[in-house]
PDB file of N, CA and C in Angstrom:
ATOM      1  N   MET A   1     107.656 117.288 129.886  1.00  0.00           N
ATOM      2  CA  MET A   1     106.783 118.032 128.980  1.00  0.00           C
ATOM      3  C   MET A   1     105.992 117.359 128.289  1.00  0.00           C
ATOM      4  N   GLN A   2     104.664 117.584 127.691  1.00  0.00           N
ATOM      5  CA  GLN A   2     104.062 116.749 126.632  1.00  0.00           C
ATOM      6  C   GLN A   2     104.394 116.926 124.960  1.00  0.00           C
ATOM      7  N   ASN A   3     104.665 116.164 124.478  1.00  0.00           N
ATOM      8  CA  ASN A   3     104.917 116.136 123.330  1.00  0.00           C
ATOM      9  C   ASN A   3     103.736 116.556 122.382  1.00  0.00           C
ATOM     10  N   SER A   4     103.849 117.696 121.392  1.00  0.00           N
ATOM     11  CA  SER A   4     102.184 118.153 121.148  1.00  0.00           C
ATOM     12  C   SER A   4     101.800 117.727 119.822  1.00  0.00           C
ATOM     13  N   ASN A   5     103.197 117.232 118.987  1.00  0.00           N
ATOM     14  CA  ASN A   5     103.089 116.753 117.897  1.00  0.00           C
ATOM     15  C   ASN A   5     102.446 115.291 118.000  1.00  0.00           C
ATOM     16  N   PRO A   6     101.089 114.928 117.173  1.00  0.00           N
ATOM     17  CA  PRO A   6      99.804 113.938 117.594  1.00  0.00           C
ATOM     18  C   PRO A   6     100.588 112.982 116.783  1.00  0.00           C
ATOM     19  N   TYR A   7     101.786 113.335 115.931  1.00  0.00           N
ATOM     20  CA  TYR A   7     102.245 111.798 114.730  1.00  0.00           C
ATOM     21  C   TYR A   7     103.661 111.700 115.338  1.00  0.00           C
ATOM     22  N   SER A   8     103.715 112.161 116.497  1.00  0.00           N
ATOM     23  CA  SER A   8     105.624 111.470 116.687  1.00  0.00           C
ATOM     24  C   SER A   8     105.634 110.302 116.630  1.00  0.00           C
ATOM     25  N   GLY A   9     104.975 108.958 117.248  1.00  0.00           N
ATOM     26  CA  GLY A   9     105.290 107.932 117.181  1.00  0.00           C
ATOM     27  C   GLY A   9     105.267 107.544 115.770  1.00  0.00           C
ATOM     28  N   ILE A  10     104.444 107.890 115.340  1.00  0.00           N
ATOM     29  CA  ILE A  10     104.490 107.501 113.348  1.00  0.00           C
ATOM     30  C   ILE A  10     105.653 108.253 113.040  1.00  0.00           C
ATOM     31  N   GLN A  11     106.566 109.433 113.329  1.00  0.00           N
ATOM     32  CA  GLN A  11     107.552 110.006 112.606  1.00  0.00           C
ATOM     33  C   GLN A  11     108.514 109.266 113.239  1.00  0.00           C
ATOM     34  N   GLN A  12     108.492 108.484 114.547  1.00  0.00           N
ATOM     35  CA  GLN A  12     109.502 107.631 114.880  1.00  0.00           C
ATOM     36  C   GLN A  12     110.096 106.504 114.512  1.00  0.00           C
ATOM     37  N   HIS A  13     108.764 105.799 113.922  1.00  0.00           N
ATOM     38  CA  HIS A  13     108.874 104.783 113.248  1.00  0.00           C
ATOM     39  C   HIS A  13     109.665 104.870 111.891  1.00  0.00           C
ATOM     40  N   LEU A  14     109.094 105.962 111.242  1.00  0.00           N
ATOM     41  CA  LEU A  14     109.687 106.339 109.915  1.00  0.00           C
ATOM     42  C   LEU A  14     111.175 106.922 110.319  1.00  0.00           C
ATOM     43  N   LYS A  15     111.407 107.373 111.223  1.00  0.00           N
ATOM     44  CA  LYS A  15     112.902 107.824 111.347  1.00  0.00           C
ATOM     45  C   LYS A  15     113.716 106.223 111.334  1.00  0.00           C
ATOM     46  N   GLN A  16     113.196 105.547 112.184  1.00  0.00           N
ATOM     47  CA  GLN A  16     114.014 104.404 112.689  1.00  0.00           C
ATOM     48  C   GLN A  16     114.012 103.405 110.989  1.00  0.00           C
ATOM     49  N   ALA A  17     113.065 103.335 110.463  1.00  0.00           N
ATOM     50  CA  ALA A  17     112.812 102.603 109.339  1.00  0.00           C
ATOM     51  C   ALA A  17     113.937 103.351 108.254  1.00  0.00           C
ATOM     52  N   LEU A  18     114.037 104.450 108.289  1.00  0.00           N
ATOM     53  CA  LEU A  18     115.191 105.243 107.196  1.00  0.00           C
ATOM     54  C   LEU A  18     116.688 104.791 108.236  1.00  0.00           C
ATOM     55  N   GLN A  19     116.838 104.965 109.112  1.00  0.00           N
ATOM     56  CA  GLN A  19     118.102 104.967 109.569  1.00  0.00           C
ATOM     57  C   GLN A  19     118.290 103.119 109.515  1.00  0.00           C
ATOM     58  N   LEU A  20     117.764 102.100 109.831  1.00  0.00           N
ATOM     59  CA  LEU A  20     117.780 100.753 109.515  1.00  0.00           C
ATOM     60  C   LEU A  20     118.133 100.660 107.886  1.00  0.00           C
ATOM     61  N   ILE A  21     117.478 101.261 107.060  1.00  0.00           N
ATOM     62  CA  ILE A  21     117.620 100.845 105.502  1.00  0.00           C
ATOM     63  C   ILE A  21     118.896 101.541 105.011  1.00  0.00           C
ATOM     64  N   SER A  22     119.546 102.598 105.632  1.00  0.00           N
ATOM     65  CA  SER A  22     120.459 103.356 105.129  1.00  0.00           C
ATOM     66  C   SER A  22     121.991 103.062 105.813  1.00  0.00           C
ATOM     67  N   ASP A  23     121.940 102.107 106.988  1.00  0.00           N
ATOM     68  CA  ASP A  23     123.281 102.041 107.934  1.00  0.00           C
ATOM     69  C   ASP A  23     123.812 101.300 106.869  1.00  0.00           C
ATOM     70  N   ARG A  24     124.787 102.038 106.235  1.00  0.00           N
ATOM     71  CA  ARG A  24     126.315 101.059 105.395  1.00  0.00           C
ATOM     72  C   ARG A  24     126.924 100.219 105.904  1.00  0.00           C
ATOM     73  N   GLN A  25     126.787 100.090 107.386  1.00  0.00           N
ATOM     74  CA  GLN A  25     127.805  98.882 107.931  1.00  0.00           C
ATOM     75  C   GLN A  25     127.000  97.707 108.162  1.00  0.00           C
ATOM     76  N   ASN A  26     125.661  97.804 108.499  1.00  0.00           N
ATOM     77  CA  ASN A  26     124.799  96.786 108.647  1.00  0.00           C
ATOM     78  C   ASN A  26     123.468  97.340 108.345  1.00  0.00           C
ATOM     79  N   PRO A  27     123.074  96.991 107.266  1.00  0.00           N
ATOM     80  CA  PRO A  27     121.928  97.575 107.121  1.00  0.00           C
ATOM     81  C   PRO A  27     120.824  96.530 107.741  1.00  0.00           C
ATOM     82  N   ASN A  28     119.598  96.469 108.302  1.00  0.00           N
ATOM     83  CA  ASN A  28     118.592  95.885 108.095  1.00  0.00           C
ATOM     84  C   ASN A  28     117.276  96.010 107.821  1.00  0.00           C
ATOM     85  N   TYR A  29     117.304  95.373 106.310  1.00  0.00           N
ATOM     86  CA  TYR A  29     116.188  95.637 105.439  1.00  0.00           C
ATOM     87  C   TYR A  29     115.012  95.069 106.357  1.00  0.00           C
ATOM     88  N   ALA A  30     114.764  93.920 107.105  1.00  0.00           N
ATOM     89  CA  ALA A  30     113.210  93.512 107.204  1.00  0.00           C
ATOM     90  C   ALA A  30     113.028  94.051 108.153  1.00  0.00           C
ATOM     91  N   LYS A  31     113.992  94.674 109.341  1.00  0.00           N
ATOM     92  CA  LYS A  31     113.457  95.629 109.869  1.00  0.00           C
ATOM     93  C   LYS A  31     113.010  97.033 110.024  1.00  0.00           C
ATOM     94  N   SER A  32     113.741  97.346 108.724  1.00  0.00           N
ATOM     95  CA  SER A  32     112.871  98.577 108.172  1.00  0.00           C
ATOM     96  C   SER A  32     111.604  98.564 107.456  1.00  0.00           C
ATOM     97  N   MET A  33     111.415  97.353 106.880  1.00  0.00           N
ATOM     98  CA  MET A  33     110.230  97.123 106.582  1.00  0.00           C
ATOM     99  C   MET A  33     109.339  96.793 107.579  1.00  0.00           C
ATOM    100  N   GLN A  34     109.410  96.175 108.936  1.00  0.00           N
ATOM    101  CA  GLN A  34     108.868  96.444 110.122  1.00  0.00           C
ATOM    102  C   GLN A  34     108.452  97.693 110.459  1.00  0.00           C
ATOM    103  N   GLU A  35     109.323  98.694 110.637  1.00  0.00           N
ATOM    104  CA  GLU A  35     108.952  99.698 110.792  1.00  0.00           C
ATOM    105  C   GLU A  35     108.513 100.666 110.233  1.00  0.00           C
ATOM    106  N   SER A  36     108.595 100.584 108.793  1.00  0.00           N
ATOM    107  CA  SER A  36     107.842 101.446 107.975  1.00  0.00           C
ATOM    108  C   SER A  36     105.856 101.010 107.942  1.00  0.00           C
ATOM    109  N   ILE A  37     106.088  99.872 107.902  1.00  0.00           N
ATOM    110  CA  ILE A  37     104.282  99.365 108.173  1.00  0.00           C
ATOM    111  C   ILE A  37     104.205  99.466 109.468  1.00  0.00           C
ATOM    112  N   SER A  38     104.496  99.417 110.721  1.00  0.00           N
ATOM    113  CA  SER A  38     104.372  99.645 111.796  1.00  0.00           C
ATOM    114  C   SER A  38     103.773 101.328 111.878  1.00  0.00           C
ATOM    115  N   ALA A  39     104.339 102.220 111.153  1.00  0.00           N
ATOM    116  CA  ALA A  39     104.358 103.217 111.193  1.00  0.00           C
ATOM    117  C   ALA A  39     102.687 103.416 110.552  1.00  0.00           C
ATOM    118  N   VAL A  40     102.043 102.930 109.744  1.00  0.00           N
ATOM    119  CA  VAL A  40     100.921 103.178 108.947  1.00  0.00           C
ATOM    120  C   VAL A  40     100.058 102.354 110.269  1.00  0.00           C
ATOM    121  N   GLU A  41     100.466 101.336 110.745  1.00  0.00           N
ATOM    122  CA  GLU A  41      99.599 101.081 111.714  1.00  0.00           C
ATOM    123  C   GLU A  41      99.254 101.497 113.125  1.00  0.00           C
ATOM    124  N   GLY A  42     100.472 102.400 113.629  1.00  0.00           N
ATOM    125  CA  GLY A  42     100.153 103.667 114.276  1.00  0.00           C
ATOM    126  C   GLY A  42      99.306 104.626 113.912  1.00  0.00           C
ATOM    127  N   LEU A  43      99.273 104.976 113.009  1.00  0.00           N
ATOM    128  CA  LEU A  43      98.335 105.999 112.414  1.00  0.00           C
ATOM    129  C   LEU A  43      97.169 105.268 112.548  1.00  0.00           C
ATOM    130  N   ALA A  44      96.711 104.355 111.988  1.00  0.00           N
ATOM    131  CA  ALA A  44      95.270 103.495 111.956  1.00  0.00           C
ATOM    132  C   ALA A  44      95.020 103.714 113.531  1.00  0.00           C
ATOM    133  N   MET A  45      95.705 103.293 114.235  1.00  0.00           N
ATOM    134  CA  MET A  45      95.447 103.220 115.899  1.00  0.00           C
ATOM    135  C   MET A  45      95.180 104.417 116.210  1.00  0.00           C
ATOM    136  N   LYS A  46      95.391 105.514 115.852  1.00  0.00           N
ATOM    137  CA  LYS A  46      95.272 107.069 116.120  1.00  0.00           C
ATOM    138  C   LYS A  46      93.964 107.454 115.435  1.00  0.00           C
ATOM    139  N   LEU A  47      94.000 107.113 114.600  1.00  0.00           N
ATOM    140  CA  LEU A  47      92.380 107.426 113.477  1.00  0.00           C
ATOM    141  C   LEU A  47      91.424 106.810 114.260  1.00  0.00           C
ATOM    142  N   LEU A  48      91.591 105.628 114.212  1.00  0.00           N
ATOM    143  CA  LEU A  48      90.359 104.820 114.896  1.00  0.00           C
ATOM    144  C   LEU A  48      90.354 105.221 116.697  1.00  0.00           C
ATOM    145  N   ASN A  49      91.175 105.499 117.328  1.00  0.00           N
ATOM    146  CA  ASN A  49      91.230 105.516 118.640  1.00  0.00           C
ATOM    147  C   ASN A  49      90.888 104.266 119.363  1.00  0.00           C
ATOM    148  N   HIS A  50      91.979 103.155 118.902  1.00  0.00           N
ATOM    149  CA  HIS A  50      92.121 102.033 119.414  1.00  0.00           C
ATOM    150  C   HIS A  50      93.483 101.574 119.285  1.00  0.00           C
ATOM    151  N   ASP A  51      94.031 101.374 120.542  1.00  0.00           N
ATOM    152  CA  ASP A  51      95.170 100.981 120.929  1.00  0.00           C
ATOM    153  C   ASP A  51      95.802  99.828 120.681  1.00  0.00           C
ATOM    154  N   SER A  52      94.899  98.907 120.138  1.00  0.00           N
ATOM    155  CA  SER A  52      95.400  97.459 120.083  1.00  0.00           C
ATOM    156  C   SER A  52      95.198  96.901 118.688  1.00  0.00           C
ATOM    157  N   ILE A  53      94.695  97.444 118.210  1.00  0.00           N
ATOM    158  CA  ILE A  53      93.877  97.150 116.213  1.00  0.00           C
ATOM    159  C   ILE A  53      95.209  96.517 115.659  1.00  0.00           C
ATOM    160  N   THR A  54      95.135  95.577 114.728  1.00  0.00           N
ATOM    161  CA  THR A  54      96.122  95.231 114.056  1.00  0.00           C
ATOM    162  C   THR A  54      95.818  96.184 112.465  1.00  0.00           C
ATOM    163  N   LEU A  55      96.695  96.290 111.658  1.00  0.00           N
ATOM    164  CA  LEU A  55      96.211  97.117 110.507  1.00  0.00           C
ATOM    165  C   LEU A  55      95.451  96.062 109.620  1.00  0.00           C
ATOM    166  N   GLY A  56      95.856  95.225 109.606  1.00  0.00           N
ATOM    167  CA  GLY A  56      94.542  94.012 109.210  1.00  0.00           C
ATOM    168  C   GLY A  56      93.339  94.327 109.191  1.00  0.00           C
ATOM    169  N   LYS A  57      92.780  94.367 110.770  1.00  0.00           N
ATOM    170  CA  LYS A  57      91.601  94.727 111.141  1.00  0.00           C
ATOM    171  C   LYS A  57      91.120  96.301 110.923  1.00  0.00           C
ATOM    172  N   ALA A  58      92.199  97.144 111.077  1.00  0.00           N
ATOM    173  CA  ALA A  58      91.999  98.739 110.671  1.00  0.00           C
ATOM    174  C   ALA A  58      91.451  98.994 109.549  1.00  0.00           C
ATOM    175  N   ILE A  59      91.843  98.597 108.304  1.00  0.00           N
ATOM    176  CA  ILE A  59      91.618  99.108 106.753  1.00  0.00           C
ATOM    177  C   ILE A  59      90.421  99.053 106.922  1.00  0.00           C
ATOM    178  N   PRO A  60      89.553  97.863 106.955  1.00  0.00           N
ATOM    179  CA  PRO A  60      87.986  97.912 106.824  1.00  0.00           C
ATOM    180  C   PRO A  60      87.523  99.172 107.565  1.00  0.00           C
ATOM    181  N   GLN A  61      87.827  99.426 108.727  1.00  0.00           N
ATOM    182  CA  GLN A  61      87.164 100.292 109.539  1.00  0.00           C
ATOM    183  C   GLN A  61      87.412 101.971 109.256  1.00  0.00           C
ATOM    184  N   LEU A  62      88.721 101.957 108.736  1.00  0.00           N
ATOM    185  CA  LEU A  62      89.114 103.053 108.414  1.00  0.00           C
ATOM    186  C   LEU A  62      88.529 103.601 106.656  1.00  0.00           C
ATOM    187  N   LYS A  63      87.953 102.568 106.120  1.00  0.00           N
ATOM    188  CA  LYS A  63      87.290 102.619 104.913  1.00  0.00           C
ATOM    189  C   LYS A  63      86.061 103.048 105.335  1.00  0.00           C
ATOM    190  N   ASN A  64      85.409 102.341 106.202  1.00  0.00           N
ATOM    191  CA  ASN A  64      83.901 102.670 106.329  1.00  0.00           C
ATOM    192  C   ASN A  64      84.154 103.817 107.333  1.00  0.00           C
ATOM    193  N   LYS A  65      84.995 104.543 107.701  1.00  0.00           N
ATOM    194  CA  LYS A  65      84.677 105.637 108.687  1.00  0.00           C
ATOM    195  C   LYS A  65      84.755 106.767 107.950  1.00  0.00           C
ATOM    196  N   TYR A  66      85.772 106.797 107.195  1.00  0.00           N
ATOM    197  CA  TYR A  66      86.447 107.749 106.446  1.00  0.00           C
ATOM    198  C   TYR A  66      85.764 108.048 105.011  1.00  0.00           C
ATOM    199  N   GLY A  67      85.432 106.810 104.240  1.00  0.00           N
ATOM    200  CA  GLY A  67      85.073 106.762 102.820  1.00  0.00           C
ATOM    201  C   GLY A  67      85.835 106.623 102.034  1.00  0.00           C
ATOM    202  N   LEU A  68      86.844 106.041 102.535  1.00  0.00           N
ATOM    203  CA  LEU A  68      88.637 105.893 101.551  1.00  0.00           C
ATOM    204  C   LEU A  68      87.877 104.965 100.421  1.00  0.00           C
ATOM    205  N   HIS A  69      88.629 105.202  99.558  1.00  0.00           N
ATOM    206  CA  HIS A  69      88.592 104.094  97.922  1.00  0.00           C
ATOM    207  C   HIS A  69      88.877 102.875  98.559  1.00  0.00           C
ATOM    208  N   GLN A  70      87.630 101.887  98.554  1.00  0.00           N
ATOM    209  CA  GLN A  70      88.181 100.528  98.622  1.00  0.00           C
ATOM    210  C   GLN A  70      89.823  99.967  97.878  1.00  0.00           C
ATOM    211  N   ASN A  71      89.802 100.177  96.867  1.00  0.00           N
ATOM    212  CA  ASN A  71      91.160  99.562  95.720  1.00  0.00           C
ATOM    213  C   ASN A  71      92.040 100.043  96.319  1.00  0.00           C
ATOM    214  N   LEU A  72      92.344 101.846  96.569  1.00  0.00           N
ATOM    215  CA  LEU A  72      93.558 102.148  97.367  1.00  0.00           C
ATOM    216  C   LEU A  72      93.658 101.181  98.571  1.00  0.00           C
ATOM    217  N   LEU A  73      92.881 101.183  99.377  1.00  0.00           N
ATOM    218  CA  LEU A  73      93.034 100.452 100.398  1.00  0.00           C
ATOM    219  C   LEU A  73      93.400  98.887 100.459  1.00  0.00           C
ATOM    220  N   ALA A  74      92.978  98.456  99.454  1.00  0.00           N
ATOM    221  CA  ALA A  74      93.298  97.189  98.836  1.00  0.00           C
ATOM    222  C   ALA A  74      94.522  96.886  98.716  1.00  0.00           C
ATOM    223  N   SER A  75      94.978  98.104  98.205  1.00  0.00           N
ATOM    224  CA  SER A  75      96.705  97.945  97.844  1.00  0.00           C
ATOM    225  C   SER A  75      97.833  98.053  99.372  1.00  0.00           C
ATOM    226  N   LEU A  76      96.917  98.691 100.253  1.00  0.00           N
ATOM    227  CA  LEU A  76      97.503  98.940 101.509  1.00  0.00           C
ATOM    228  C   LEU A  76      97.341  97.471 102.097  1.00  0.00           C
ATOM    229  N   GLU A  77      96.076  96.914 102.057  1.00  0.00           N
ATOM    230  CA  GLU A  77      95.920  95.515 102.651  1.00  0.00           C
ATOM    231  C   GLU A  77      96.841  94.188 102.068  1.00  0.00           C
ATOM    232  N   LYS A  78      97.154  94.819 100.928  1.00  0.00           N
ATOM    233  CA  LYS A  78      98.372  93.643  99.984  1.00  0.00           C
ATOM    234  C   LYS A  78      99.489  94.059 100.608  1.00  0.00           C
ATOM    235  N   LEU A  79     100.015  95.214 100.774  1.00  0.00           N
ATOM    236  CA  LEU A  79     101.221  95.316 101.080  1.00  0.00           C
ATOM    237  C   LEU A  79     101.404  94.908 102.895  1.00  0.00           C
ATOM    238  N   TYR A  80     100.560  94.870 103.532  1.00  0.00           N
ATOM    239  CA  TYR A  80     100.777  94.545 105.121  1.00  0.00           C
ATOM    240  C   TYR A  80     100.355  92.944 104.831  1.00  0.00           C
ATOM    241  N   ALA A  81     100.034  92.682 103.966  1.00  0.00           N
ATOM    242  CA  ALA A  81      99.931  91.186 103.795  1.00  0.00           C
ATOM    243  C   ALA A  81     101.438  90.417 103.416  1.00  0.00           C
ATOM    244  N   TYR A  82     101.923  91.221 102.719  1.00  0.00           N
ATOM    245  CA  TYR A  82     103.470  90.538 101.851  1.00  0.00           C
ATOM    246  C   TYR A  82     104.503  90.760 103.202  1.00  0.00           C
ATOM    247  N   THR A  83     104.003  91.965 104.321  1.00  0.00           N
ATOM    248  CA  THR A  83     104.839  92.129 105.365  1.00  0.00           C
ATOM    249  C   THR A  83     104.639  91.212 106.292  1.00  0.00           C
ATOM    250  N   CYS A  84     103.511  90.790 106.292  1.00  0.00           N
ATOM    251  CA  CYS A  84     103.199  89.628 107.400  1.00  0.00           C
ATOM    252  C   CYS A  84     103.832  88.364 106.603  1.00  0.00           C
ATOM    253  N   ASP A  85     103.717  88.233 105.470  1.00  0.00           N
ATOM    254  CA  ASP A  85     104.056  86.706 105.140  1.00  0.00           C
ATOM    255  C   ASP A  85     105.707  86.494 104.716  1.00  0.00           C
ATOM    256  N   GLU A  86     106.620  87.792 104.373  1.00  0.00           N
ATOM    257  CA  GLU A  86     107.913  87.689 104.248  1.00  0.00           C
ATOM    258  C   GLU A  86     108.671  87.367 105.412  1.00  0.00           C
ATOM    259  N   ASP A  87     109.360  86.388 105.258  1.00  0.00           N
ATOM    260  CA  ASP A  87     110.362  85.940 106.578  1.00  0.00           C
ATOM    261  C   ASP A  87     111.130  86.646 107.484  1.00  0.00           C
ATOM    262  N   GLY A  88     110.542  86.852 108.668  1.00  0.00           N
ATOM    263  CA  GLY A  88     111.328  87.624 109.572  1.00  0.00           C
ATOM    264  C   GLY A  88     110.693  89.538 109.625  1.00  0.00           C
ATOM    265  N   VAL A  89     109.787  89.623 108.905  1.00  0.00           N
ATOM    266  CA  VAL A  89     109.280  91.077 108.964  1.00  0.00           C
ATOM    267  C   VAL A  89     108.536  91.189 109.612  1.00  0.00           C
ATOM    268  N   ARG A  90     107.295  90.568 109.831  1.00  0.00           N
ATOM    269  CA  ARG A  90     106.083  90.820 111.125  1.00  0.00           C
ATOM    270  C   ARG A  90     106.328  89.940 111.877  1.00  0.00           C
ATOM    271  N   HIS A  91     106.870  89.203 111.699  1.00  0.00           N
ATOM    272  CA  HIS A  91     106.930  87.470 112.447  1.00  0.00           C
ATOM    273  C   HIS A  91     108.162  86.976 112.295  1.00  0.00           C
ATOM    274  N   GLY A  92     108.520  85.945 113.798  1.00  0.00           N
ATOM    275  CA  GLY A  92     109.900  85.866 113.869  1.00  0.00           C
ATOM    276  C   GLY A  92     109.816  84.529 112.440  1.00  0.00           C
ATOM    277  N   SER A  93     111.140  84.094 112.454  1.00  0.00           N
ATOM    278  CA  SER A  93     111.498  83.160 111.559  1.00  0.00           C
ATOM    279  C   SER A  93     112.949  82.604 111.831  1.00  0.00           C
ATOM    280  N   PRO A  94     112.641  81.048 111.537  1.00  0.00           N
ATOM    281  CA  PRO A  94     113.815  80.398 111.828  1.00  0.00           C
ATOM    282  C   PRO A  94     114.750  80.994 110.388  1.00  0.00           C
ATOM    283  N   ASN A  95     114.367  81.188 109.369  1.00  0.00           N
ATOM    284  CA  ASN A  95     115.204  81.648 108.192  1.00  0.00           C
ATOM    285  C   ASN A  95     115.907  83.098 108.189  1.00  0.00           C
ATOM    286  N   GLU A  96     116.916  82.803 107.401  1.00  0.00           N
ATOM    287  CA  GLU A  96     117.451  84.222 107.285  1.00  0.00           C
ATOM    288  C   GLU A  96     116.706  85.028 105.978  1.00  0.00           C
ATOM    289  N   SER A  97     116.262  86.150 106.346  1.00  0.00           N
ATOM    290  CA  SER A  97     115.654  86.956 105.558  1.00  0.00           C
ATOM    291  C   SER A  97     116.144  87.289 104.378  1.00  0.00           C
ATOM    292  N   THR A  98     115.379  87.573 103.136  1.00  0.00           N
ATOM    293  CA  THR A  98     115.799  87.769 101.959  1.00  0.00           C
ATOM    294  C   THR A  98     114.956  88.825 101.317  1.00  0.00           C
ATOM    295  N   VAL A  99     114.930  89.960 102.403  1.00  0.00           N
ATOM    296  CA  VAL A  99     114.491  91.212 101.879  1.00  0.00           C
ATOM    297  C   VAL A  99     115.831  91.648 101.371  1.00  0.00           C
ATOM    298  N   THR A 100     115.403  92.412 100.373  1.00  0.00           N
ATOM    299  CA  THR A 100     116.576  93.503  99.800  1.00  0.00           C
ATOM    300  C   THR A 100     116.115  94.812  99.843  1.00  0.00           C
ATOM    301  N   PHE A 101     117.245  95.543  99.787  1.00  0.00           N
ATOM    302  CA  PHE A 101     117.169  96.805  99.649  1.00  0.00           C
ATOM    303  C   PHE A 101     115.867  97.631  98.771  1.00  0.00           C
ATOM    304  N   SER A 102     115.849  97.229  97.732  1.00  0.00           N
ATOM    305  CA  SER A 102     114.723  97.592  96.842  1.00  0.00           C
ATOM    306  C   SER A 102     113.409  97.595  97.577  1.00  0.00           C
ATOM    307  N   GLU A 103     113.188  95.948  97.992  1.00  0.00           N
ATOM    308  CA  GLU A 103     112.168  95.899  98.782  1.00  0.00           C
ATOM    309  C   GLU A 103     111.733  96.877 100.198  1.00  0.00           C
ATOM    310  N   ALA A 104     112.988  96.790 100.726  1.00  0.00           N
ATOM    311  CA  ALA A 104     112.523  97.571 101.923  1.00  0.00           C
ATOM    312  C   ALA A 104     112.440  99.007 101.580  1.00  0.00           C
ATOM    313  N   LYS A 105     113.151  99.715 100.402  1.00  0.00           N
ATOM    314  CA  LYS A 105     112.714 101.011 100.119  1.00  0.00           C
ATOM    315  C   LYS A 105     111.602 101.535  99.619  1.00  0.00           C
ATOM    316  N   PHE A 106     110.816 100.155  98.633  1.00  0.00           N
ATOM    317  CA  PHE A 106     109.331 100.598  98.363  1.00  0.00           C
ATOM    318  C   PHE A 106     108.836 100.599  99.550  1.00  0.00           C
ATOM    319  N   THR A 107     108.691  99.565 100.286  1.00  0.00           N
ATOM    320  CA  THR A 107     107.935  99.654 101.666  1.00  0.00           C
ATOM    321  C   THR A 107     107.893 101.167 102.244  1.00  0.00           C
ATOM    322  N   LEU A 108     109.089 101.583 102.280  1.00  0.00           N
ATOM    323  CA  LEU A 108     109.363 102.823 103.105  1.00  0.00           C
ATOM    324  C   LEU A 108     108.261 104.042 102.416  1.00  0.00           C
ATOM    325  N   VAL A 109     108.785 103.845 101.247  1.00  0.00           N
ATOM    326  CA  VAL A 109     107.815 105.230 100.347  1.00  0.00           C
ATOM    327  C   VAL A 109     106.852 104.432 100.236  1.00  0.00           C
ATOM    328  N   ALA A 110     106.092 103.566  99.759  1.00  0.00           N
ATOM    329  CA  ALA A 110     104.696 103.451  99.993  1.00  0.00           C
ATOM    330  C   ALA A 110     104.424 103.743 101.180  1.00  0.00           C
ATOM    331  N   CYS A 111     104.904 103.243 102.416  1.00  0.00           N
ATOM    332  CA  CYS A 111     103.830 103.419 103.884  1.00  0.00           C
ATOM    333  C   CYS A 111     103.964 105.158 103.772  1.00  0.00           C
ATOM    334  N   THR A 112     105.262 105.815 103.995  1.00  0.00           N
ATOM    335  CA  THR A 112     105.125 106.950 103.695  1.00  0.00           C
ATOM    336  C   THR A 112     103.956 108.073 102.869  1.00  0.00           C
ATOM    337  N   ASN A 113     103.840 107.376 101.917  1.00  0.00           N
ATOM    338  CA  ASN A 113     102.802 107.662 100.936  1.00  0.00           C
ATOM    339  C   ASN A 113     101.557 107.739 101.339  1.00  0.00           C
ATOM    340  N   PHE A 114     100.998 106.435 101.952  1.00  0.00           N
ATOM    341  CA  PHE A 114      99.847 106.268 102.608  1.00  0.00           C
ATOM    342  C   PHE A 114      99.754 107.008 103.714  1.00  0.00           C
ATOM    343  N   ILE A 115     100.698 107.286 104.689  1.00  0.00           N
ATOM    344  CA  ILE A 115     100.488 107.841 105.913  1.00  0.00           C
ATOM    345  C   ILE A 115      99.968 109.615 105.084  1.00  0.00           C
ATOM    346  N   ASN A 116     100.937 110.133 104.841  1.00  0.00           N
ATOM    347  CA  ASN A 116     100.381 111.230 103.672  1.00  0.00           C
ATOM    348  C   ASN A 116      99.137 111.298 103.504  1.00  0.00           C
ATOM    349  N   TYR A 117      98.572 110.682 102.783  1.00  0.00           N
ATOM    350  CA  TYR A 117      97.214 110.350 102.032  1.00  0.00           C
ATOM    351  C   TYR A 117      96.457 110.258 103.200  1.00  0.00           C
ATOM    352  N   LEU A 118      96.600 109.169 104.344  1.00  0.00           N
ATOM    353  CA  LEU A 118      95.377 109.132 105.411  1.00  0.00           C
ATOM    354  C   LEU A 118      95.139 110.499 106.243  1.00  0.00           C
ATOM    355  N   ILE A 119      96.705 111.149 106.706  1.00  0.00           N
ATOM    356  CA  ILE A 119      96.515 112.365 107.459  1.00  0.00           C
ATOM    357  C   ILE A 119      95.545 113.296 106.399  1.00  0.00           C
ATOM    358  N   ASP A 120      96.014 113.587 105.193  1.00  0.00           N
ATOM    359  CA  ASP A 120      95.659 114.467 104.147  1.00  0.00           C
ATOM    360  C   ASP A 120      93.871 114.496 104.520  1.00  0.00           C
ATOM    361  N   LYS A 121      93.619 113.056 103.953  1.00  0.00           N
ATOM    362  CA  LYS A 121      92.222 112.736 103.792  1.00  0.00           C
ATOM    363  C   LYS A 121      90.869 112.557 105.140  1.00  0.00           C
ATOM    364  N   THR A 122      91.817 112.604 106.112  1.00  0.00           N
ATOM    365  CA  THR A 122      91.192 112.646 107.456  1.00  0.00           C
ATOM    366  C   THR A 122      91.296 113.680 108.286  1.00  0.00           C
ATOM    367  N   LYS A 123      92.002 114.666 107.973  1.00  0.00           N
ATOM    368  CA  LYS A 123      92.335 116.019 109.044  1.00  0.00           C
ATOM    369  C   LYS A 123      90.858 116.934 108.906  1.00  0.00           C
ATOM    370  N   ASP A 124      90.244 116.975 108.050  1.00  0.00           N
ATOM    371  CA  ASP A 124      88.588 117.482 108.587  1.00  0.00           C
ATOM    372  C   ASP A 124      87.723 116.849 109.283  1.00  0.00           C
ATOM    373  N   GLN A 125      87.707 115.140 109.647  1.00  0.00           N
ATOM    374  CA  GLN A 125      86.969 114.788 110.118  1.00  0.00           C
ATOM    375  C   GLN A 125      87.441 113.909 111.567  1.00  0.00           C
ATOM    376  N   ASN A 126      88.501 114.577 111.854  1.00  0.00           N
ATOM    377  CA  ASN A 126      88.734 114.374 113.636  1.00  0.00           C
ATOM    378  C   ASN A 126      88.765 115.217 114.554  1.00  0.00           C
TER     379      ASN A 126
END
């Protein structure tokens, strides 16, 4: 049976991020951040109909295609850059992650808000 929810993959990333951050026995904040930003990246892929684009390359295309405000998307770009720079979030690292609950929670909430914003702003154009 085919899933009729067009955002099921995005929802799955957010659900996983929430599970990872809220695990009382063994939370994984870095992986939660990765899942959060991956949800936004998945939505960007869907909106641009491009299954292999990274969020960094998608942001300018989203701006141009949907006329989204440059400074708002710049904040998403900075959040994405942060997750790429932070040890063990987007890329492997020989160092132990220093990501805290506060950073993981901020990323989860911010990514959820960006997703809601992008869905709302693009719904009439898809």
